[in-house]
Amino acid sequence: MGGSVVDTRLFIVLLPILAAASWAIYNIGKILLLQFTKRS
């Protein structure tokens, strides 16, 4: 495979983006859950 270097770079670029996205989704879900439990 000649494109292993490109794949590695792509992985290095995508990893922090995926981490930030999952962290944001986790925080939003936690806030929504808190809001939902406050109402009931």
C-alpha atoms as a PDB file:
ATOM      1  CA  MET A   1       0.000   0.000   0.000  1.00  0.00           C
ATOM      2  CA  GLY A   2       1.541   3.309  -1.090  1.00  0.00           C
ATOM      3  CA  GLY A   3      -1.040   5.523   0.611  1.00  0.00           C
ATOM      4  CA  SER A   4      -0.219   4.538   4.183  1.00  0.00           C
ATOM      5  CA  VAL A   5       1.441   7.913   4.871  1.00  0.00           C
ATOM      6  CA  VAL A   6      -1.665   9.762   3.691  1.00  0.00           C
ATOM      7  CA  ASP A   7      -3.860   7.510   5.819  1.00  0.00           C
ATOM      8  CA  THR A   8      -1.706   8.215   8.863  1.00  0.00           C
ATOM      9  CA  ARG A   9      -1.885  11.972   8.281  1.00  0.00           C
ATOM     10  CA  LEU A  10      -5.631  11.764   7.762  1.00  0.00           C
ATOM     11  CA  PHE A  11      -5.987   9.797  10.994  1.00  0.00           C
ATOM     12  CA  ILE A  12      -3.872  12.343  12.897  1.00  0.00           C
ATOM     13  CA  VAL A  13      -6.040  15.170  11.518  1.00  0.00           C
ATOM     14  CA  LEU A  14      -9.363  13.420  12.124  1.00  0.00           C
ATOM     15  CA  LEU A  15      -8.586  12.123  15.613  1.00  0.00           C
ATOM     16  CA  PRO A  16      -8.777  15.486  17.468  1.00  0.00           C
ATOM     17  CA  ILE A  17     -11.838  16.446  15.404  1.00  0.00           C
ATOM     18  CA  LEU A  18     -13.612  13.220  16.348  1.00  0.00           C
ATOM     19  CA  ALA A  19     -12.534  13.645  19.969  1.00  0.00           C
ATOM     20  CA  ALA A  20     -13.874  17.208  20.077  1.00  0.00           C
ATOM     21  CA  ALA A  21     -17.117  16.158  18.395  1.00  0.00           C
ATOM     22  CA  SER A  22     -17.719  13.257  20.783  1.00  0.00           C
ATOM     23  CA  TRP A  23     -16.856  15.501  23.762  1.00  0.00           C
ATOM     24  CA  ALA A  24     -19.363  18.130  22.534  1.00  0.00           C
ATOM     25  CA  ILE A  25     -22.065  15.486  21.990  1.00  0.00           C
ATOM     26  CA  TYR A  26     -21.379  14.102  25.474  1.00  0.00           C
ATOM     27  CA  ASN A  27     -21.668  17.535  27.079  1.00  0.00           C
ATOM     28  CA  ILE A  28     -24.836  18.424  25.139  1.00  0.00           C
ATOM     29  CA  GLY A  29     -26.397  15.092  26.085  1.00  0.00           C
ATOM     30  CA  LYS A  30     -25.495  15.637  29.740  1.00  0.00           C
ATOM     31  CA  ILE A  31     -27.049  19.121  29.721  1.00  0.00           C
ATOM     32  CA  LEU A  32     -30.193  17.849  28.008  1.00  0.00           C
ATOM     33  CA  LEU A  33     -30.449  15.050  30.548  1.00  0.00           C
ATOM     34  CA  LEU A  34     -30.117  17.530  33.423  1.00  0.00           C
ATOM     35  CA  GLN A  35     -32.780  19.789  31.898  1.00  0.00           C
ATOM     36  CA  PHE A  36     -35.079  16.798  31.402  1.00  0.00           C
ATOM     37  CA  THR A  37     -34.663  15.593  34.986  1.00  0.00           C
ATOM     38  CA  LYS A  38     -35.258  19.109  36.341  1.00  0.00           C
ATOM     39  CA  ARG A  39     -38.623  19.394  34.589  1.00  0.00           C
ATOM     40  CA  SER A  40     -40.013  16.093  35.807  1.00  0.00           C
END
